[in-house]
Amino acid sequence: MMWDGWGPDGWAGWLFMAFTMALVWGGLIALVVWAVRSFAHPTTPNIRDEHGSDALAILEQRFARGEIDRGEFEERRAVLRDQSAT
């Protein structure tokens, strides 16, 4: 009995297996690429934030660690706020 390609030796089974194999290999390759990209580059804060919130957070951390004094902190914070307003 012929099943129009859907039998045990038909073309549809081979097509399904080829599609599944391509899907599996593509998924594995995507997983490896994702893993290499995430673990190869350490996460760094994005200083190019348009509102300056990351730069302000870095400034606050420097002030908390004692790297800058209160006057320098307030001066730089004012500059960052002026830049984010424009």
PDB file of N, CA and C in Angstrom:
ATOM      1  N   MET A   1       0.838  -1.163   0.000  1.00  0.00           N
ATOM      2  CA  MET A   1       0.000   0.000   0.000  1.00  0.00           C
ATOM      3  C   MET A   1       0.900   1.250   0.000  1.00  0.00           C
ATOM      4  N   MET A   2       0.606   2.188  -0.844  1.00  0.00           N
ATOM      5  CA  MET A   2       1.375   3.420  -0.944  1.00  0.00           C
ATOM      6  C   MET A   2       0.732   4.494  -0.073  1.00  0.00           C
ATOM      7  N   TRP A   3       1.570   5.235   0.662  1.00  0.00           N
ATOM      8  CA  TRP A   3       1.061   6.282   1.540  1.00  0.00           C
ATOM      9  C   TRP A   3       1.512   7.661   1.063  1.00  0.00           C
ATOM     10  N   ASP A   4       1.783   7.787  -0.172  1.00  0.00           N
ATOM     11  CA  ASP A   4       2.196   9.059  -0.772  1.00  0.00           C
ATOM     12  C   ASP A   4       3.375   9.702  -0.041  1.00  0.00           C
ATOM     13  N   GLY A   5       4.366   8.888   0.290  1.00  0.00           N
ATOM     14  CA  GLY A   5       5.574   9.420   0.893  1.00  0.00           C
ATOM     15  C   GLY A   5       5.575   9.406   2.407  1.00  0.00           C
ATOM     16  N   TRP A   6       4.473   9.043   3.059  1.00  0.00           N
ATOM     17  CA  TRP A   6       4.407   9.068   4.513  1.00  0.00           C
ATOM     18  C   TRP A   6       4.694   7.709   5.136  1.00  0.00           C
ATOM     19  N   GLY A   7       5.087   6.757   4.365  1.00  0.00           N
ATOM     20  CA  GLY A   7       5.360   5.424   4.871  1.00  0.00           C
ATOM     21  C   GLY A   7       6.732   5.341   5.528  1.00  0.00           C
ATOM     22  N   PRO A   8       7.135   4.146   5.933  1.00  0.00           N
ATOM     23  CA  PRO A   8       8.415   3.982   6.612  1.00  0.00           C
ATOM     24  C   PRO A   8       9.609   4.374   5.751  1.00  0.00           C
ATOM     25  N   ASP A   9       9.520   4.246   4.464  1.00  0.00           N
ATOM     26  CA  ASP A   9      10.628   4.592   3.570  1.00  0.00           C
ATOM     27  C   ASP A   9      10.306   5.818   2.718  1.00  0.00           C
ATOM     28  N   GLY A  10       9.340   6.617   3.108  1.00  0.00           N
ATOM     29  CA  GLY A  10       8.903   7.754   2.287  1.00  0.00           C
ATOM     30  C   GLY A  10       9.754   8.993   2.477  1.00  0.00           C
ATOM     31  N   TRP A  11       9.508   9.965   1.625  1.00  0.00           N
ATOM     32  CA  TRP A  11      10.294  11.194   1.618  1.00  0.00           C
ATOM     33  C   TRP A  11       9.948  12.100   2.802  1.00  0.00           C
ATOM     34  N   ALA A  12       8.746  12.029   3.320  1.00  0.00           N
ATOM     35  CA  ALA A  12       8.335  12.926   4.400  1.00  0.00           C
ATOM     36  C   ALA A  12       9.096  12.620   5.692  1.00  0.00           C
ATOM     37  N   GLY A  13       9.351  11.361   5.947  1.00  0.00           N
ATOM     38  CA  GLY A  13      10.116  10.990   7.129  1.00  0.00           C
ATOM     39  C   GLY A  13      11.529  11.539   7.071  1.00  0.00           C
ATOM     40  N   TRP A  14      12.141  11.438   5.909  1.00  0.00           N
ATOM     41  CA  TRP A  14      13.492  11.974   5.739  1.00  0.00           C
ATOM     42  C   TRP A  14      13.497  13.496   5.860  1.00  0.00           C
ATOM     43  N   LEU A  15      12.476  14.134   5.320  1.00  0.00           N
ATOM     44  CA  LEU A  15      12.380  15.586   5.413  1.00  0.00           C
ATOM     45  C   LEU A  15      12.211  16.023   6.871  1.00  0.00           C
ATOM     46  N   PHE A  16      11.366  15.304   7.615  1.00  0.00           N
ATOM     47  CA  PHE A  16      11.160  15.607   9.024  1.00  0.00           C
ATOM     48  C   PHE A  16      12.453  15.401   9.824  1.00  0.00           C
ATOM     49  N   MET A  17      13.167  14.331   9.544  1.00  0.00           N
ATOM     50  CA  MET A  17      14.422  14.074  10.259  1.00  0.00           C
ATOM     51  C   MET A  17      15.471  15.137   9.941  1.00  0.00           C
ATOM     52  N   ALA A  18      15.545  15.563   8.695  1.00  0.00           N
ATOM     53  CA  ALA A  18      16.510  16.594   8.318  1.00  0.00           C
ATOM     54  C   ALA A  18      16.178  17.921   8.999  1.00  0.00           C
ATOM     55  N   PHE A  19      14.895  18.270   9.040  1.00  0.00           N
ATOM     56  CA  PHE A  19      14.475  19.505   9.702  1.00  0.00           C
ATOM     57  C   PHE A  19      14.766  19.453  11.200  1.00  0.00           C
ATOM     58  N   THR A  20      14.482  18.325  11.820  1.00  0.00           N
ATOM     59  CA  THR A  20      14.735  18.168  13.245  1.00  0.00           C
ATOM     60  C   THR A  20      16.231  18.241  13.545  1.00  0.00           C
ATOM     61  N   MET A  21      17.044  17.607  12.730  1.00  0.00           N
ATOM     62  CA  MET A  21      18.490  17.640  12.936  1.00  0.00           C
ATOM     63  C   MET A  21      19.029  19.062  12.779  1.00  0.00           C
ATOM     64  N   ALA A  22      18.543  19.803  11.801  1.00  0.00           N
ATOM     65  CA  ALA A  22      18.973  21.191  11.624  1.00  0.00           C
ATOM     66  C   ALA A  22      18.543  22.036  12.823  1.00  0.00           C
ATOM     67  N   LEU A  23      17.368  21.782  13.341  1.00  0.00           N
ATOM     68  CA  LEU A  23      16.876  22.505  14.509  1.00  0.00           C
ATOM     69  C   LEU A  23      17.732  22.205  15.744  1.00  0.00           C
ATOM     70  N   VAL A  24      18.082  20.959  15.947  1.00  0.00           N
ATOM     71  CA  VAL A  24      18.901  20.575  17.097  1.00  0.00           C
ATOM     72  C   VAL A  24      20.295  21.189  16.993  1.00  0.00           C
ATOM     73  N   TRP A  25      20.931  21.050  15.842  1.00  0.00           N
ATOM     74  CA  TRP A  25      22.281  21.615  15.691  1.00  0.00           C
ATOM     75  C   TRP A  25      22.265  23.140  15.777  1.00  0.00           C
ATOM     76  N   GLY A  26      21.257  23.761  15.188  1.00  0.00           N
ATOM     77  CA  GLY A  26      21.143  25.220  15.290  1.00  0.00           C
ATOM     78  C   GLY A  26      20.972  25.672  16.731  1.00  0.00           C
ATOM     79  N   GLY A  27      20.176  24.938  17.506  1.00  0.00           N
ATOM     80  CA  GLY A  27      19.996  25.261  18.914  1.00  0.00           C
ATOM     81  C   GLY A  27      21.277  25.096  19.710  1.00  0.00           C
ATOM     82  N   LEU A  28      22.021  24.035  19.442  1.00  0.00           N
ATOM     83  CA  LEU A  28      23.288  23.819  20.140  1.00  0.00           C
ATOM     84  C   LEU A  28      24.309  24.914  19.810  1.00  0.00           C
ATOM     85  N   ILE A  29      24.381  25.288  18.547  1.00  0.00           N
ATOM     86  CA  ILE A  29      25.308  26.345  18.140  1.00  0.00           C
ATOM     87  C   ILE A  29      24.911  27.669  18.785  1.00  0.00           C
ATOM     88  N   ALA A  30      23.614  27.975  18.811  1.00  0.00           N
ATOM     89  CA  ALA A  30      23.151  29.205  19.441  1.00  0.00           C
ATOM     90  C   ALA A  30      23.462  29.205  20.935  1.00  0.00           C
ATOM     91  N   LEU A  31      23.321  28.072  21.588  1.00  0.00           N
ATOM     92  CA  LEU A  31      23.627  27.959  23.013  1.00  0.00           C
ATOM     93  C   LEU A  31      25.110  28.187  23.282  1.00  0.00           C
ATOM     94  N   VAL A  32      25.972  27.635  22.451  1.00  0.00           N
ATOM     95  CA  VAL A  32      27.414  27.819  22.625  1.00  0.00           C
ATOM     96  C   VAL A  32      27.792  29.285  22.389  1.00  0.00           C
ATOM     97  N   VAL A  33      27.234  29.896  21.356  1.00  0.00           N
ATOM     98  CA  VAL A  33      27.529  31.307  21.074  1.00  0.00           C
ATOM     99  C   VAL A  33      27.070  32.178  22.236  1.00  0.00           C
ATOM    100  N   TRP A  34      25.876  31.923  22.765  1.00  0.00           N
ATOM    101  CA  TRP A  34      25.370  32.688  23.902  1.00  0.00           C
ATOM    102  C   TRP A  34      26.283  32.528  25.116  1.00  0.00           C
ATOM    103  N   ALA A  35      26.704  31.299  25.397  1.00  0.00           N
ATOM    104  CA  ALA A  35      27.552  31.044  26.563  1.00  0.00           C
ATOM    105  C   ALA A  35      28.905  31.749  26.429  1.00  0.00           C
ATOM    106  N   VAL A  36      29.495  31.690  25.255  1.00  0.00           N
ATOM    107  CA  VAL A  36      30.795  32.328  25.046  1.00  0.00           C
ATOM    108  C   VAL A  36      30.670  33.842  25.180  1.00  0.00           C
ATOM    109  N   ARG A  37      29.624  34.419  24.600  1.00  0.00           N
ATOM    110  CA  ARG A  37      29.459  35.870  24.664  1.00  0.00           C
ATOM    111  C   ARG A  37      29.137  36.353  26.066  1.00  0.00           C
ATOM    112  N   SER A  38      28.367  35.563  26.849  1.00  0.00           N
ATOM    113  CA  SER A  38      28.029  36.032  28.191  1.00  0.00           C
ATOM    114  C   SER A  38      29.166  35.860  29.173  1.00  0.00           C
ATOM    115  N   PHE A  39      29.958  34.824  29.043  1.00  0.00           N
ATOM    116  CA  PHE A  39      31.015  34.588  30.016  1.00  0.00           C
ATOM    117  C   PHE A  39      32.350  35.198  29.606  1.00  0.00           C
ATOM    118  N   ALA A  40      32.523  35.559  28.358  1.00  0.00           N
ATOM    119  CA  ALA A  40      33.796  36.108  27.896  1.00  0.00           C
ATOM    120  C   ALA A  40      33.949  37.576  28.281  1.00  0.00           C
ATOM    121  N   HIS A  41      32.850  38.310  28.314  1.00  0.00           N
ATOM    122  CA  HIS A  41      32.905  39.740  28.608  1.00  0.00           C
ATOM    123  C   HIS A  41      32.236  40.002  29.954  1.00  0.00           C
ATOM    124  N   PRO A  42      32.982  40.496  30.926  1.00  0.00           N
ATOM    125  CA  PRO A  42      32.352  40.796  32.207  1.00  0.00           C
ATOM    126  C   PRO A  42      31.357  41.944  32.061  1.00  0.00           C
ATOM    127  N   THR A  43      30.372  41.935  32.896  1.00  0.00           N
ATOM    128  CA  THR A  43      29.351  42.964  32.835  1.00  0.00           C
ATOM    129  C   THR A  43      29.904  44.267  33.392  1.00  0.00           C
ATOM    130  N   THR A  44      29.790  45.319  32.600  1.00  0.00           N
ATOM    131  CA  THR A  44      30.236  46.633  33.034  1.00  0.00           C
ATOM    132  C   THR A  44      29.058  47.589  32.964  1.00  0.00           C
ATOM    133  N   PRO A  45      29.031  48.592  33.819  1.00  0.00           N
ATOM    134  CA  PRO A  45      27.911  49.528  33.750  1.00  0.00           C
ATOM    135  C   PRO A  45      27.939  50.317  32.447  1.00  0.00           C
ATOM    136  N   ASN A  46      26.766  50.612  31.934  1.00  0.00           N
ATOM    137  CA  ASN A  46      26.642  51.359  30.689  1.00  0.00           C
ATOM    138  C   ASN A  46      26.692  52.846  31.017  1.00  0.00           C
ATOM    139  N   ILE A  47      27.828  53.492  30.723  1.00  0.00           N
ATOM    140  CA  ILE A  47      28.004  54.906  31.048  1.00  0.00           C
ATOM    141  C   ILE A  47      27.296  55.784  30.021  1.00  0.00           C
ATOM    142  N   ARG A  48      26.920  55.236  28.895  1.00  0.00           N
ATOM    143  CA  ARG A  48      26.298  56.016  27.842  1.00  0.00           C
ATOM    144  C   ARG A  48      24.790  56.124  28.000  1.00  0.00           C
ATOM    145  N   ASP A  49      24.287  55.992  29.200  1.00  0.00           N
ATOM    146  CA  ASP A  49      22.858  56.134  29.437  1.00  0.00           C
ATOM    147  C   ASP A  49      22.454  57.575  29.152  1.00  0.00           C
ATOM    148  N   GLU A  50      21.381  57.783  28.424  1.00  0.00           N
ATOM    149  CA  GLU A  50      21.020  59.133  28.011  1.00  0.00           C
ATOM    150  C   GLU A  50      20.579  60.000  29.193  1.00  0.00           C
ATOM    151  N   HIS A  51      20.131  59.407  30.275  1.00  0.00           N
ATOM    152  CA  HIS A  51      19.706  60.183  31.430  1.00  0.00           C
ATOM    153  C   HIS A  51      20.811  60.325  32.460  1.00  0.00           C
ATOM    154  N   GLY A  52      21.937  59.670  32.295  1.00  0.00           N
ATOM    155  CA  GLY A  52      23.056  59.816  33.199  1.00  0.00           C
ATOM    156  C   GLY A  52      22.899  59.071  34.512  1.00  0.00           C
ATOM    157  N   SER A  53      21.932  58.187  34.625  1.00  0.00           N
ATOM    158  CA  SER A  53      21.701  57.506  35.896  1.00  0.00           C
ATOM    159  C   SER A  53      22.862  56.579  36.253  1.00  0.00           C
ATOM    160  N   ASP A  54      23.466  55.933  35.273  1.00  0.00           N
ATOM    161  CA  ASP A  54      24.607  55.068  35.555  1.00  0.00           C
ATOM    162  C   ASP A  54      25.822  55.896  35.978  1.00  0.00           C
ATOM    163  N   ALA A  55      26.037  57.021  35.332  1.00  0.00           N
ATOM    164  CA  ALA A  55      27.154  57.879  35.698  1.00  0.00           C
ATOM    165  C   ALA A  55      26.943  58.432  37.110  1.00  0.00           C
ATOM    166  N   LEU A  56      25.707  58.751  37.440  1.00  0.00           N
ATOM    167  CA  LEU A  56      25.408  59.243  38.781  1.00  0.00           C
ATOM    168  C   LEU A  56      25.623  58.152  39.823  1.00  0.00           C
ATOM    169  N   ALA A  57      25.272  56.923  39.491  1.00  0.00           N
ATOM    170  CA  ALA A  57      25.496  55.807  40.417  1.00  0.00           C
ATOM    171  C   ALA A  57      26.994  55.605  40.661  1.00  0.00           C
ATOM    172  N   ILE A  58      27.806  55.721  39.619  1.00  0.00           N
ATOM    173  CA  ILE A  58      29.257  55.591  39.770  1.00  0.00           C
ATOM    174  C   ILE A  58      29.793  56.727  40.638  1.00  0.00           C
ATOM    175  N   LEU A  59      29.276  57.930  40.406  1.00  0.00           N
ATOM    176  CA  LEU A  59      29.703  59.070  41.206  1.00  0.00           C
ATOM    177  C   LEU A  59      29.349  58.861  42.679  1.00  0.00           C
ATOM    178  N   GLU A  60      28.158  58.346  42.952  1.00  0.00           N
ATOM    179  CA  GLU A  60      27.751  58.089  44.330  1.00  0.00           C
ATOM    180  C   GLU A  60      28.621  57.006  44.974  1.00  0.00           C
ATOM    181  N   GLN A  61      29.006  56.016  44.206  1.00  0.00           N
ATOM    182  CA  GLN A  61      29.884  54.969  44.731  1.00  0.00           C
ATOM    183  C   GLN A  61      31.263  55.538  45.075  1.00  0.00           C
ATOM    184  N   ARG A  62      31.778  56.395  44.214  1.00  0.00           N
ATOM    185  CA  ARG A  62      33.083  57.008  44.483  1.00  0.00           C
ATOM    186  C   ARG A  62      33.025  57.871  45.737  1.00  0.00           C
ATOM    187  N   PHE A  63      31.920  58.596  45.919  1.00  0.00           N
ATOM    188  CA  PHE A  63      31.758  59.415  47.114  1.00  0.00           C
ATOM    189  C   PHE A  63      31.648  58.539  48.362  1.00  0.00           C
ATOM    190  N   ALA A  64      30.926  57.439  48.255  1.00  0.00           N
ATOM    191  CA  ALA A  64      30.766  56.528  49.388  1.00  0.00           C
ATOM    192  C   ALA A  64      32.093  55.873  49.774  1.00  0.00           C
ATOM    193  N   ARG A  65      32.941  55.598  48.793  1.00  0.00           N
ATOM    194  CA  ARG A  65      34.251  55.003  49.085  1.00  0.00           C
ATOM    195  C   ARG A  65      35.257  56.031  49.595  1.00  0.00           C
ATOM    196  N   GLY A  66      34.915  57.311  49.519  1.00  0.00           N
ATOM    197  CA  GLY A  66      35.814  58.352  50.004  1.00  0.00           C
ATOM    198  C   GLY A  66      36.828  58.807  48.971  1.00  0.00           C
ATOM    199  N   GLU A  67      36.615  58.471  47.709  1.00  0.00           N
ATOM    200  CA  GLU A  67      37.557  58.880  46.656  1.00  0.00           C
ATOM    201  C   GLU A  67      37.438  60.367  46.341  1.00  0.00           C
ATOM    202  N   ILE A  68      36.255  60.921  46.529  1.00  0.00           N
ATOM    203  CA  ILE A  68      36.043  62.352  46.281  1.00  0.00           C
ATOM    204  C   ILE A  68      35.364  62.949  47.515  1.00  0.00           C
ATOM    205  N   ASP A  69      35.554  64.263  47.712  1.00  0.00           N
ATOM    206  CA  ASP A  69      34.928  64.912  48.865  1.00  0.00           C
ATOM    207  C   ASP A  69      33.534  65.432  48.491  1.00  0.00           C
ATOM    208  N   ARG A  70      32.839  66.003  49.485  1.00  0.00           N
ATOM    209  CA  ARG A  70      31.461  66.426  49.291  1.00  0.00           C
ATOM    210  C   ARG A  70      31.346  67.536  48.233  1.00  0.00           C
ATOM    211  N   GLY A  71      32.262  68.489  48.251  1.00  0.00           N
ATOM    212  CA  GLY A  71      32.205  69.583  47.276  1.00  0.00           C
ATOM    213  C   GLY A  71      32.360  69.087  45.849  1.00  0.00           C
ATOM    214  N   GLU A  72      33.325  68.199  45.628  1.00  0.00           N
ATOM    215  CA  GLU A  72      33.532  67.647  44.282  1.00  0.00           C
ATOM    216  C   GLU A  72      32.331  66.800  43.861  1.00  0.00           C
ATOM    217  N   PHE A  73      31.777  66.052  44.822  1.00  0.00           N
ATOM    218  CA  PHE A  73      30.597  65.235  44.524  1.00  0.00           C
ATOM    219  C   PHE A  73      29.438  66.107  44.066  1.00  0.00           C
ATOM    220  N   GLU A  74      29.141  67.165  44.806  1.00  0.00           N
ATOM    221  CA  GLU A  74      28.012  68.039  44.457  1.00  0.00           C
ATOM    222  C   GLU A  74      28.247  68.767  43.143  1.00  0.00           C
ATOM    223  N   GLU A  75      29.498  69.170  42.892  1.00  0.00           N
ATOM    224  CA  GLU A  75      29.815  69.854  41.638  1.00  0.00           C
ATOM    225  C   GLU A  75      29.608  68.920  40.434  1.00  0.00           C
ATOM    226  N   ARG A  76      30.113  67.711  40.547  1.00  0.00           N
ATOM    227  CA  ARG A  76      29.967  66.760  39.433  1.00  0.00           C
ATOM    228  C   ARG A  76      28.517  66.311  39.271  1.00  0.00           C
ATOM    229  N   ARG A  77      27.795  66.166  40.369  1.00  0.00           N
ATOM    230  CA  ARG A  77      26.383  65.786  40.280  1.00  0.00           C
ATOM    231  C   ARG A  77      25.592  66.879  39.567  1.00  0.00           C
ATOM    232  N   ALA A  78      25.914  68.148  39.857  1.00  0.00           N
ATOM    233  CA  ALA A  78      25.234  69.255  39.178  1.00  0.00           C
ATOM    234  C   ALA A  78      25.516  69.226  37.680  1.00  0.00           C
ATOM    235  N   VAL A  79      26.759  68.926  37.322  1.00  0.00           N
ATOM    236  CA  VAL A  79      27.117  68.840  35.898  1.00  0.00           C
ATOM    237  C   VAL A  79      26.345  67.703  35.227  1.00  0.00           C
ATOM    238  N   LEU A  80      26.271  66.559  35.887  1.00  0.00           N
ATOM    239  CA  LEU A  80      25.549  65.429  35.302  1.00  0.00           C
ATOM    240  C   LEU A  80      24.063  65.731  35.149  1.00  0.00           C
ATOM    241  N   ARG A  81      23.487  66.392  36.119  1.00  0.00           N
ATOM    242  CA  ARG A  81      22.060  66.742  36.028  1.00  0.00           C
ATOM    243  C   ARG A  81      21.811  67.763  34.931  1.00  0.00           C
ATOM    244  N   ASP A  82      22.739  68.706  34.743  1.00  0.00           N
ATOM    245  CA  ASP A  82      22.604  69.682  33.655  1.00  0.00           C
ATOM    246  C   ASP A  82      22.686  69.001  32.299  1.00  0.00           C
ATOM    247  N   GLN A  83      23.575  68.016  32.172  1.00  0.00           N
ATOM    248  CA  GLN A  83      23.717  67.292  30.896  1.00  0.00           C
ATOM    249  C   GLN A  83      22.484  66.455  30.609  1.00  0.00           C
ATOM    250  N   SER A  84      21.889  65.860  31.645  1.00  0.00           N
ATOM    251  CA  SER A  84      20.725  65.003  31.414  1.00  0.00           C
ATOM    252  C   SER A  84      19.487  65.830  31.108  1.00  0.00           C
ATOM    253  N   ALA A  85      19.474  67.116  31.504  1.00  0.00           N
ATOM    254  CA  ALA A  85      18.324  67.975  31.235  1.00  0.00           C
ATOM    255  C   ALA A  85      18.290  68.421  29.778  1.00  0.00           C
ATOM    256  N   THR A  86      19.445  68.463  29.117  1.00  0.00           N
ATOM    257  CA  THR A  86      19.484  68.924  27.720  1.00  0.00           C
ATOM    258  C   THR A  86      19.185  67.814  26.763  1.00  0.00           C
TER     259      THR A  86
END
